Amino acid sequence: NLQDQPWIIPVVWTGTAISFLFLYPATYNLLEIPA
């Protein structure tokens, strides 16, 4: 349980934000998803 550590929130949110740059890259046409 590291949730009371002062560094944990910036680390988690920075890492999560970067993960979204990989999870949802701009390499597809959004209008193709609903066809």
PDB file of all heavy atoms in Angstrom:
ATOM      1  N   ASN A   1       0.853  -1.183   0.000  1.00  0.00           N
ATOM      2  CA  ASN A   1       0.000   0.000   0.000  1.00  0.00           C
ATOM      3  C   ASN A   1       0.894   1.241   0.000  1.00  0.00           C
ATOM      4  O   ASN A   1       1.462   1.615   1.025  1.00  0.00           O
ATOM      5  CB  ASN A   1      -0.920   0.000   1.217  1.00  0.00           C
ATOM      6  CG  ASN A   1      -1.914   1.167   1.166  1.00  0.00           C
ATOM      7  OD1 ASN A   1      -1.924   1.940   0.204  1.00  0.00           O
ATOM      8  ND2 ASN A   1      -2.738   1.294   2.194  1.00  0.00           N
ATOM      9  N   LEU A   2       1.016   1.843  -1.182  1.00  0.00           N
ATOM     10  CA  LEU A   2       1.871   3.017  -1.344  1.00  0.00           C
ATOM     11  C   LEU A   2       1.060   4.297  -1.542  1.00  0.00           C
ATOM     12  O   LEU A   2       1.615   5.334  -1.881  1.00  0.00           O
ATOM     13  CB  LEU A   2       2.795   2.819  -2.548  1.00  0.00           C
ATOM     14  CG  LEU A   2       3.705   1.586  -2.513  1.00  0.00           C
ATOM     15  CD1 LEU A   2       4.450   1.446  -3.837  1.00  0.00           C
ATOM     16  CD2 LEU A   2       4.683   1.668  -1.355  1.00  0.00           C
ATOM     17  N   GLN A   3      -0.247   4.214  -1.300  1.00  0.00           N
ATOM     18  CA  GLN A   3      -1.107   5.329  -1.648  1.00  0.00           C
ATOM     19  C   GLN A   3      -0.920   6.552  -0.760  1.00  0.00           C
ATOM     20  O   GLN A   3      -1.404   7.639  -1.092  1.00  0.00           O
ATOM     21  CB  GLN A   3      -2.566   4.871  -1.632  1.00  0.00           C
ATOM     22  CG  GLN A   3      -2.865   3.845  -2.714  1.00  0.00           C
ATOM     23  CD  GLN A   3      -4.321   3.418  -2.756  1.00  0.00           C
ATOM     24  OE1 GLN A   3      -5.165   3.968  -2.031  1.00  0.00           O
ATOM     25  NE2 GLN A   3      -4.651   2.442  -3.595  1.00  0.00           N
ATOM     26  N   ASP A   4      -0.206   6.389   0.347  1.00  0.00           N
ATOM     27  CA  ASP A   4       0.054   7.548   1.206  1.00  0.00           C
ATOM     28  C   ASP A   4       1.403   8.198   0.913  1.00  0.00           C
ATOM     29  O   ASP A   4       1.785   9.173   1.570  1.00  0.00           O
ATOM     30  CB  ASP A   4      -0.012   7.134   2.682  1.00  0.00           C
ATOM     31  CG  ASP A   4       1.021   6.067   3.036  1.00  0.00           C
ATOM     32  OD1 ASP A   4       1.593   5.455   2.103  1.00  0.00           O
ATOM     33  OD2 ASP A   4       1.241   5.825   4.249  1.00  0.00           O
ATOM     34  N   GLN A   5       2.125   7.659  -0.076  1.00  0.00           N
ATOM     35  CA  GLN A   5       3.421   8.228  -0.424  1.00  0.00           C
ATOM     36  C   GLN A   5       3.235   9.476  -1.298  1.00  0.00           C
ATOM     37  O   GLN A   5       2.413   9.477  -2.217  1.00  0.00           O
ATOM     38  CB  GLN A   5       4.264   7.199  -1.170  1.00  0.00           C
ATOM     39  CG  GLN A   5       4.573   5.958  -0.368  1.00  0.00           C
ATOM     40  CD  GLN A   5       5.378   6.280   0.883  1.00  0.00           C
ATOM     41  OE1 GLN A   5       6.395   6.969   0.826  1.00  0.00           O
ATOM     42  NE2 GLN A   5       4.901   5.793   2.030  1.00  0.00           N
ATOM     43  N   PRO A   6       3.993  10.532  -1.048  1.00  0.00           N
ATOM     44  CA  PRO A   6       3.781  11.785  -1.797  1.00  0.00           C
ATOM     45  C   PRO A   6       4.103  11.688  -3.283  1.00  0.00           C
ATOM     46  O   PRO A   6       3.583  12.460  -4.089  1.00  0.00           O
ATOM     47  CB  PRO A   6       4.720  12.768  -1.093  1.00  0.00           C
ATOM     48  CG  PRO A   6       5.753  11.911  -0.424  1.00  0.00           C
ATOM     49  CD  PRO A   6       5.039  10.661  -0.017  1.00  0.00           C
ATOM     50  N   TRP A   7       4.930  10.743  -3.683  1.00  0.00           N
ATOM     51  CA  TRP A   7       5.339  10.632  -5.084  1.00  0.00           C
ATOM     52  C   TRP A   7       4.412   9.766  -5.930  1.00  0.00           C
ATOM     53  O   TRP A   7       4.484   9.791  -7.160  1.00  0.00           O
ATOM     54  CB  TRP A   7       6.757  10.042  -5.171  1.00  0.00           C
ATOM     55  CG  TRP A   7       6.909   8.744  -4.411  1.00  0.00           C
ATOM     56  CD1 TRP A   7       7.332   8.595  -3.130  1.00  0.00           C
ATOM     57  CD2 TRP A   7       6.608   7.427  -4.894  1.00  0.00           C
ATOM     58  NE1 TRP A   7       7.329   7.269  -2.763  1.00  0.00           N
ATOM     59  CE2 TRP A   7       6.889   6.531  -3.829  1.00  0.00           C
ATOM     60  CE3 TRP A   7       6.143   6.913  -6.093  1.00  0.00           C
ATOM     61  CZ2 TRP A   7       6.707   5.156  -3.952  1.00  0.00           C
ATOM     62  CZ3 TRP A   7       5.962   5.549  -6.225  1.00  0.00           C
ATOM     63  CH2 TRP A   7       6.244   4.687  -5.158  1.00  0.00           C
ATOM     64  N   ILE A   8       3.531   9.000  -5.272  1.00  0.00           N
ATOM     65  CA  ILE A   8       2.799   7.963  -5.992  1.00  0.00           C
ATOM     66  C   ILE A   8       1.810   8.534  -7.011  1.00  0.00           C
ATOM     67  O   ILE A   8       1.709   8.047  -8.145  1.00  0.00           O
ATOM     68  CB  ILE A   8       2.076   7.012  -5.000  1.00  0.00           C
ATOM     69  CG1 ILE A   8       1.512   5.793  -5.742  1.00  0.00           C
ATOM     70  CG2 ILE A   8       1.001   7.733  -4.233  1.00  0.00           C
ATOM     71  CD1 ILE A   8       2.544   4.865  -6.276  1.00  0.00           C
ATOM     72  N   ILE A   9       1.069   9.580  -6.654  1.00  0.00           N
ATOM     73  CA  ILE A   9       0.060  10.121  -7.570  1.00  0.00           C
ATOM     74  C   ILE A   9       0.704  10.708  -8.830  1.00  0.00           C
ATOM     75  O   ILE A   9       0.267  10.407  -9.948  1.00  0.00           O
ATOM     76  CB  ILE A   9      -0.839  11.144  -6.852  1.00  0.00           C
ATOM     77  CG1 ILE A   9      -1.715  10.430  -5.825  1.00  0.00           C
ATOM     78  CG2 ILE A   9      -1.703  11.904  -7.868  1.00  0.00           C
ATOM     79  CD1 ILE A   9      -2.640  11.345  -5.047  1.00  0.00           C
ATOM     80  N   PRO A  10       1.753  11.547  -8.717  1.00  0.00           N
ATOM     81  CA  PRO A  10       2.393  12.039  -9.955  1.00  0.00           C
ATOM     82  C   PRO A  10       2.951  10.920 -10.824  1.00  0.00           C
ATOM     83  O   PRO A  10       2.832  10.974 -12.061  1.00  0.00           O
ATOM     84  CB  PRO A  10       3.519  12.947  -9.434  1.00  0.00           C
ATOM     85  CG  PRO A  10       3.074  13.357  -8.073  1.00  0.00           C
ATOM     86  CD  PRO A  10       2.327  12.185  -7.515  1.00  0.00           C
ATOM     87  N   VAL A  11       3.527   9.890 -10.207  1.00  0.00           N
ATOM     88  CA  VAL A  11       4.093   8.787 -10.977  1.00  0.00           C
ATOM     89  C   VAL A  11       2.990   8.020 -11.707  1.00  0.00           C
ATOM     90  O   VAL A  11       3.101   7.712 -12.908  1.00  0.00           O
ATOM     91  CB  VAL A  11       4.892   7.834 -10.059  1.00  0.00           C
ATOM     92  CG1 VAL A  11       5.201   6.516 -10.778  1.00  0.00           C
ATOM     93  CG2 VAL A  11       6.187   8.492  -9.611  1.00  0.00           C
ATOM     94  N   VAL A  12       1.911   7.708 -10.986  1.00  0.00           N
ATOM     95  CA  VAL A  12       0.819   6.938 -11.582  1.00  0.00           C
ATOM     96  C   VAL A  12       0.151   7.717 -12.702  1.00  0.00           C
ATOM     97  O   VAL A  12      -0.108   7.176 -13.792  1.00  0.00           O
ATOM     98  CB  VAL A  12      -0.202   6.523 -10.503  1.00  0.00           C
ATOM     99  CG1 VAL A  12      -1.465   5.948 -11.151  1.00  0.00           C
ATOM    100  CG2 VAL A  12       0.414   5.497  -9.567  1.00  0.00           C
ATOM    101  N   TRP A  13      -0.128   8.993 -12.475  1.00  0.00           N
ATOM    102  CA  TRP A  13      -0.820   9.766 -13.495  1.00  0.00           C
ATOM    103  C   TRP A  13       0.062  10.072 -14.695  1.00  0.00           C
ATOM    104  O   TRP A  13      -0.406  10.071 -15.829  1.00  0.00           O
ATOM    105  CB  TRP A  13      -1.396  11.048 -12.900  1.00  0.00           C
ATOM    106  CG  TRP A  13      -2.772  10.798 -12.360  1.00  0.00           C
ATOM    107  CD1 TRP A  13      -3.144  10.733 -11.053  1.00  0.00           C
ATOM    108  CD2 TRP A  13      -3.945  10.511 -13.124  1.00  0.00           C
ATOM    109  NE1 TRP A  13      -4.485  10.433 -10.955  1.00  0.00           N
ATOM    110  CE2 TRP A  13      -4.999  10.293 -12.210  1.00  0.00           C
ATOM    111  CE3 TRP A  13      -4.205  10.424 -14.481  1.00  0.00           C
ATOM    112  CZ2 TRP A  13      -6.286  10.000 -12.630  1.00  0.00           C
ATOM    113  CZ3 TRP A  13      -5.499  10.125 -14.904  1.00  0.00           C
ATOM    114  CH2 TRP A  13      -6.512   9.923 -13.968  1.00  0.00           C
ATOM    115  N   THR A  14       1.347  10.319 -14.471  1.00  0.00           N
ATOM    116  CA  THR A  14       2.253  10.549 -15.600  1.00  0.00           C
ATOM    117  C   THR A  14       2.380   9.281 -16.441  1.00  0.00           C
ATOM    118  O   THR A  14       2.289   9.319 -17.672  1.00  0.00           O
ATOM    119  CB  THR A  14       3.643  10.986 -15.100  1.00  0.00           C
ATOM    120  OG1 THR A  14       3.521  12.202 -14.363  1.00  0.00           O
ATOM    121  CG2 THR A  14       4.588  11.206 -16.267  1.00  0.00           C
ATOM    122  N   GLY A  15       2.588   8.145 -15.768  1.00  0.00           N
ATOM    123  CA  GLY A  15       2.698   6.879 -16.485  1.00  0.00           C
ATOM    124  C   GLY A  15       1.420   6.522 -17.224  1.00  0.00           C
ATOM    125  O   GLY A  15       1.453   6.032 -18.355  1.00  0.00           O
ATOM    126  N   THR A  16       0.275   6.794 -16.603  1.00  0.00           N
ATOM    127  CA  THR A  16      -1.009   6.492 -17.234  1.00  0.00           C
ATOM    128  C   THR A  16      -1.242   7.382 -18.452  1.00  0.00           C
ATOM    129  O   THR A  16      -1.721   6.916 -19.492  1.00  0.00           O
ATOM    130  CB  THR A  16      -2.157   6.670 -16.224  1.00  0.00           C
ATOM    131  OG1 THR A  16      -1.949   5.774 -15.117  1.00  0.00           O
ATOM    132  CG2 THR A  16      -3.497   6.364 -16.869  1.00  0.00           C
ATOM    133  N   ALA A  17      -0.909   8.667 -18.324  1.00  0.00           N
ATOM    134  CA  ALA A  17      -1.072   9.585 -19.452  1.00  0.00           C
ATOM    135  C   ALA A  17      -0.220   9.140 -20.634  1.00  0.00           C
ATOM    136  O   ALA A  17      -0.666   9.141 -21.791  1.00  0.00           O
ATOM    137  CB  ALA A  17      -0.705  11.003 -19.034  1.00  0.00           C
ATOM    138  N   ILE A  18       1.016   8.728 -20.370  1.00  0.00           N
ATOM    139  CA  ILE A  18       1.892   8.240 -21.441  1.00  0.00           C
ATOM    140  C   ILE A  18       1.318   6.966 -22.052  1.00  0.00           C
ATOM    141  O   ILE A  18       1.371   6.757 -23.268  1.00  0.00           O
ATOM    142  CB  ILE A  18       3.311   7.999 -20.902  1.00  0.00           C
ATOM    143  CG1 ILE A  18       3.950   9.331 -20.485  1.00  0.00           C
ATOM    144  CG2 ILE A  18       4.184   7.305 -21.948  1.00  0.00           C
ATOM    145  CD1 ILE A  18       5.276   9.179 -19.774  1.00  0.00           C
ATOM    146  N   SER A  19       0.738   6.107 -21.202  1.00  0.00           N
ATOM    147  CA  SER A  19       0.179   4.853 -21.716  1.00  0.00           C
ATOM    148  C   SER A  19      -0.934   5.117 -22.723  1.00  0.00           C
ATOM    149  O   SER A  19      -1.105   4.377 -23.688  1.00  0.00           O
ATOM    150  CB  SER A  19      -0.344   3.982 -20.561  1.00  0.00           C
ATOM    151  OG  SER A  19      -1.606   4.429 -20.080  1.00  0.00           O
ATOM    152  N   PHE A  20      -1.704   6.199 -22.528  1.00  0.00           N
ATOM    153  CA  PHE A  20      -2.781   6.515 -23.455  1.00  0.00           C
ATOM    154  C   PHE A  20      -2.246   6.957 -24.807  1.00  0.00           C
ATOM    155  O   PHE A  20      -2.910   6.776 -25.835  1.00  0.00           O
ATOM    156  CB  PHE A  20      -3.696   7.587 -22.873  1.00  0.00           C
ATOM    157  CG  PHE A  20      -4.780   7.022 -22.003  1.00  0.00           C
ATOM    158  CD1 PHE A  20      -4.529   6.695 -20.687  1.00  0.00           C
ATOM    159  CD2 PHE A  20      -6.044   6.802 -22.502  1.00  0.00           C
ATOM    160  CE1 PHE A  20      -5.525   6.155 -19.882  1.00  0.00           C
ATOM    161  CE2 PHE A  20      -7.046   6.266 -21.708  1.00  0.00           C
ATOM    162  CZ  PHE A  20      -6.785   5.941 -20.392  1.00  0.00           C
ATOM    163  N   LEU A  21      -1.053   7.556 -24.827  1.00  0.00           N
ATOM    164  CA  LEU A  21      -0.451   7.933 -26.098  1.00  0.00           C
ATOM    165  C   LEU A  21      -0.134   6.701 -26.934  1.00  0.00           C
ATOM    166  O   LEU A  21      -0.077   6.761 -28.165  1.00  0.00           O
ATOM    167  CB  LEU A  21       0.819   8.746 -25.865  1.00  0.00           C
ATOM    168  CG  LEU A  21       0.634  10.082 -25.150  1.00  0.00           C
ATOM    169  CD1 LEU A  21       1.990  10.746 -24.928  1.00  0.00           C
ATOM    170  CD2 LEU A  21      -0.280  11.009 -25.938  1.00  0.00           C
ATOM    171  N   PHE A  22       0.089   5.565 -26.259  1.00  0.00           N
ATOM    172  CA  PHE A  22       0.334   4.305 -26.957  1.00  0.00           C
ATOM    173  C   PHE A  22      -0.966   3.530 -27.178  1.00  0.00           C
ATOM    174  O   PHE A  22      -1.155   2.918 -28.224  1.00  0.00           O
ATOM    175  CB  PHE A  22       1.305   3.438 -26.155  1.00  0.00           C
ATOM    176  CG  PHE A  22       2.730   3.899 -26.215  1.00  0.00           C
ATOM    177  CD1 PHE A  22       3.236   4.770 -25.261  1.00  0.00           C
ATOM    178  CD2 PHE A  22       3.577   3.466 -27.228  1.00  0.00           C
ATOM    179  CE1 PHE A  22       4.552   5.198 -25.314  1.00  0.00           C
ATOM    180  CE2 PHE A  22       4.892   3.888 -27.289  1.00  0.00           C
ATOM    181  CZ  PHE A  22       5.380   4.759 -26.326  1.00  0.00           C
ATOM    182  N   LEU A  23      -1.860   3.550 -26.193  1.00  0.00           N
ATOM    183  CA  LEU A  23      -3.100   2.777 -26.303  1.00  0.00           C
ATOM    184  C   LEU A  23      -4.011   3.303 -27.400  1.00  0.00           C
ATOM    185  O   LEU A  23      -4.690   2.533 -28.077  1.00  0.00           O
ATOM    186  CB  LEU A  23      -3.850   2.811 -24.960  1.00  0.00           C
ATOM    187  CG  LEU A  23      -3.390   1.822 -23.899  1.00  0.00           C
ATOM    188  CD1 LEU A  23      -4.001   2.179 -22.548  1.00  0.00           C
ATOM    189  CD2 LEU A  23      -3.777   0.397 -24.289  1.00  0.00           C
ATOM    190  N   TYR A  24      -4.044   4.610 -27.584  1.00  0.00           N
ATOM    191  CA  TYR A  24      -4.952   5.202 -28.569  1.00  0.00           C
ATOM    192  C   TYR A  24      -4.177   6.101 -29.530  1.00  0.00           C
ATOM    193  O   TYR A  24      -4.389   7.312 -29.571  1.00  0.00           O
ATOM    194  CB  TYR A  24      -6.058   5.981 -27.861  1.00  0.00           C
ATOM    195  CG  TYR A  24      -6.834   5.108 -26.922  1.00  0.00           C
ATOM    196  CD1 TYR A  24      -6.624   5.154 -25.552  1.00  0.00           C
ATOM    197  CD2 TYR A  24      -7.752   4.183 -27.422  1.00  0.00           C
ATOM    198  CE1 TYR A  24      -7.316   4.313 -24.695  1.00  0.00           C
ATOM    199  CE2 TYR A  24      -8.443   3.339 -26.563  1.00  0.00           C
ATOM    200  CZ  TYR A  24      -8.221   3.419 -25.211  1.00  0.00           C
ATOM    201  OH  TYR A  24      -8.900   2.587 -24.356  1.00  0.00           O
ATOM    202  N   PRO A  25      -3.262   5.502 -30.304  1.00  0.00           N
ATOM    203  CA  PRO A  25      -2.450   6.310 -31.224  1.00  0.00           C
ATOM    204  C   PRO A  25      -3.280   6.834 -32.379  1.00  0.00           C
ATOM    205  O   PRO A  25      -4.322   6.275 -32.730  1.00  0.00           O
ATOM    206  CB  PRO A  25      -1.396   5.305 -31.724  1.00  0.00           C
ATOM    207  CG  PRO A  25      -2.094   3.979 -31.648  1.00  0.00           C
ATOM    208  CD  PRO A  25      -2.967   4.066 -30.424  1.00  0.00           C
ATOM    209  N   ALA A  26      -2.804   7.917 -32.982  1.00  0.00           N
ATOM    210  CA  ALA A  26      -3.519   8.510 -34.117  1.00  0.00           C
ATOM    211  C   ALA A  26      -3.152   7.770 -35.395  1.00  0.00           C
ATOM    212  O   ALA A  26      -2.615   8.333 -36.337  1.00  0.00           O
ATOM    213  CB  ALA A  26      -3.173   9.993 -34.228  1.00  0.00           C
ATOM    214  N   THR A  27      -3.441   6.482 -35.440  1.00  0.00           N
ATOM    215  CA  THR A  27      -3.092   5.683 -36.616  1.00  0.00           C
ATOM    216  C   THR A  27      -4.310   4.967 -37.179  1.00  0.00           C
ATOM    217  O   THR A  27      -4.196   3.969 -37.855  1.00  0.00           O
ATOM    218  CB  THR A  27      -2.019   4.635 -36.265  1.00  0.00           C
ATOM    219  OG1 THR A  27      -2.470   3.851 -35.152  1.00  0.00           O
ATOM    220  CG2 THR A  27      -0.715   5.312 -35.892  1.00  0.00           C
ATOM    221  N   TYR A  28      -5.518   5.485 -36.857  1.00  0.00           N
ATOM    222  CA  TYR A  28      -6.712   4.884 -37.426  1.00  0.00           C
ATOM    223  C   TYR A  28      -7.736   5.979 -37.678  1.00  0.00           C
ATOM    224  O   TYR A  28      -7.654   7.067 -37.119  1.00  0.00           O
ATOM    225  CB  TYR A  28      -7.300   3.817 -36.510  1.00  0.00           C
ATOM    226  CG  TYR A  28      -7.561   4.288 -35.102  1.00  0.00           C
ATOM    227  CD1 TYR A  28      -8.684   5.034 -34.793  1.00  0.00           C
ATOM    228  CD2 TYR A  28      -6.674   3.990 -34.075  1.00  0.00           C
ATOM    229  CE1 TYR A  28      -8.927   5.471 -33.506  1.00  0.00           C
ATOM    230  CE2 TYR A  28      -6.909   4.434 -32.782  1.00  0.00           C
ATOM    231  CZ  TYR A  28      -8.035   5.157 -32.510  1.00  0.00           C
ATOM    232  OH  TYR A  28      -8.266   5.588 -31.230  1.00  0.00           O
ATOM    233  N   ASN A  29      -8.649   5.692 -38.526  1.00  0.00           N
ATOM    234  CA  ASN A  29      -9.721   6.634 -38.838  1.00  0.00           C
ATOM    235  C   ASN A  29     -10.869   6.398 -37.868  1.00  0.00           C
ATOM    236  O   ASN A  29     -11.505   5.348 -37.889  1.00  0.00           O
ATOM    237  CB  ASN A  29     -10.192   6.425 -40.282  1.00  0.00           C
ATOM    238  CG  ASN A  29     -11.108   7.545 -40.745  1.00  0.00           C
ATOM    239  OD1 ASN A  29     -11.905   8.073 -39.968  1.00  0.00           O
ATOM    240  ND2 ASN A  29     -10.993   7.922 -42.008  1.00  0.00           N
ATOM    241  N   LEU A  30     -11.148   7.390 -37.029  1.00  0.00           N
ATOM    242  CA  LEU A  30     -12.175   7.217 -35.996  1.00  0.00           C
ATOM    243  C   LEU A  30     -13.543   6.899 -36.583  1.00  0.00           C
ATOM    244  O   LEU A  30     -14.343   6.192 -35.956  1.00  0.00           O
ATOM    245  CB  LEU A  30     -12.262   8.481 -35.136  1.00  0.00           C
ATOM    246  CG  LEU A  30     -11.046   8.775 -34.249  1.00  0.00           C
ATOM    247  CD1 LEU A  30     -11.235  10.107 -33.544  1.00  0.00           C
ATOM    248  CD2 LEU A  30     -10.838   7.655 -33.244  1.00  0.00           C
ATOM    249  N   LEU A  31     -13.829   7.399 -37.792  1.00  0.00           N
ATOM    250  CA  LEU A  31     -15.140   7.157 -38.393  1.00  0.00           C
ATOM    251  C   LEU A  31     -15.309   5.716 -38.857  1.00  0.00           C
ATOM    252  O   LEU A  31     -16.428   5.287 -39.150  1.00  0.00           O
ATOM    253  CB  LEU A  31     -15.353   8.110 -39.576  1.00  0.00           C
ATOM    254  CG  LEU A  31     -15.473   9.592 -39.212  1.00  0.00           C
ATOM    255  CD1 LEU A  31     -15.670  10.425 -40.463  1.00  0.00           C
ATOM    256  CD2 LEU A  31     -16.614   9.825 -38.228  1.00  0.00           C
ATOM    257  N   GLU A  32     -14.211   4.943 -38.900  1.00  0.00           N
ATOM    258  CA  GLU A  32     -14.331   3.547 -39.284  1.00  0.00           C
ATOM    259  C   GLU A  32     -14.820   2.683 -38.118  1.00  0.00           C
ATOM    260  O   GLU A  32     -15.305   1.573 -38.335  1.00  0.00           O
ATOM    261  CB  GLU A  32     -12.992   3.009 -39.790  1.00  0.00           C
ATOM    262  CG  GLU A  32     -12.586   3.590 -41.136  1.00  0.00           C
ATOM    263  CD  GLU A  32     -11.294   2.998 -41.648  1.00  0.00           C
ATOM    264  OE1 GLU A  32     -10.851   1.988 -41.072  1.00  0.00           O
ATOM    265  OE2 GLU A  32     -10.732   3.531 -42.613  1.00  0.00           O
ATOM    266  N   ILE A  33     -14.668   3.163 -36.888  1.00  0.00           N
ATOM    267  CA  ILE A  33     -15.076   2.362 -35.734  1.00  0.00           C
ATOM    268  C   ILE A  33     -16.570   2.097 -35.757  1.00  0.00           C
ATOM    269  O   ILE A  33     -17.015   0.953 -35.623  1.00  0.00           O
ATOM    270  CB  ILE A  33     -14.626   3.039 -34.421  1.00  0.00           C
ATOM    271  CG1 ILE A  33     -13.087   3.080 -34.364  1.00  0.00           C
ATOM    272  CG2 ILE A  33     -15.185   2.291 -33.211  1.00  0.00           C
ATOM    273  CD1 ILE A  33     -12.552   3.801 -33.159  1.00  0.00           C
ATOM    274  N   PRO A  34     -17.422   3.120 -35.935  1.00  0.00           N
ATOM    275  CA  PRO A  34     -18.865   2.841 -36.070  1.00  0.00           C
ATOM    276  C   PRO A  34     -19.272   2.537 -37.507  1.00  0.00           C
ATOM    277  O   PRO A  34     -20.454   2.488 -37.803  1.00  0.00           O
ATOM    278  CB  PRO A  34     -19.500   4.148 -35.590  1.00  0.00           C
ATOM    279  CG  PRO A  34     -18.528   5.195 -35.996  1.00  0.00           C
ATOM    280  CD  PRO A  34     -17.164   4.572 -35.856  1.00  0.00           C
ATOM    281  N   ALA A  35     -18.273   2.351 -38.395  1.00  0.00           N
ATOM    282  CA  ALA A  35     -18.505   1.997 -39.804  1.00  0.00           C
ATOM    283  C   ALA A  35     -19.191   3.108 -40.587  1.00  0.00           C
ATOM    284  O   ALA A  35     -19.869   2.849 -41.571  1.00  0.00           O
ATOM    285  CB  ALA A  35     -19.299   0.698 -39.918  1.00  0.00           C
TER     286      ALA A  35
END
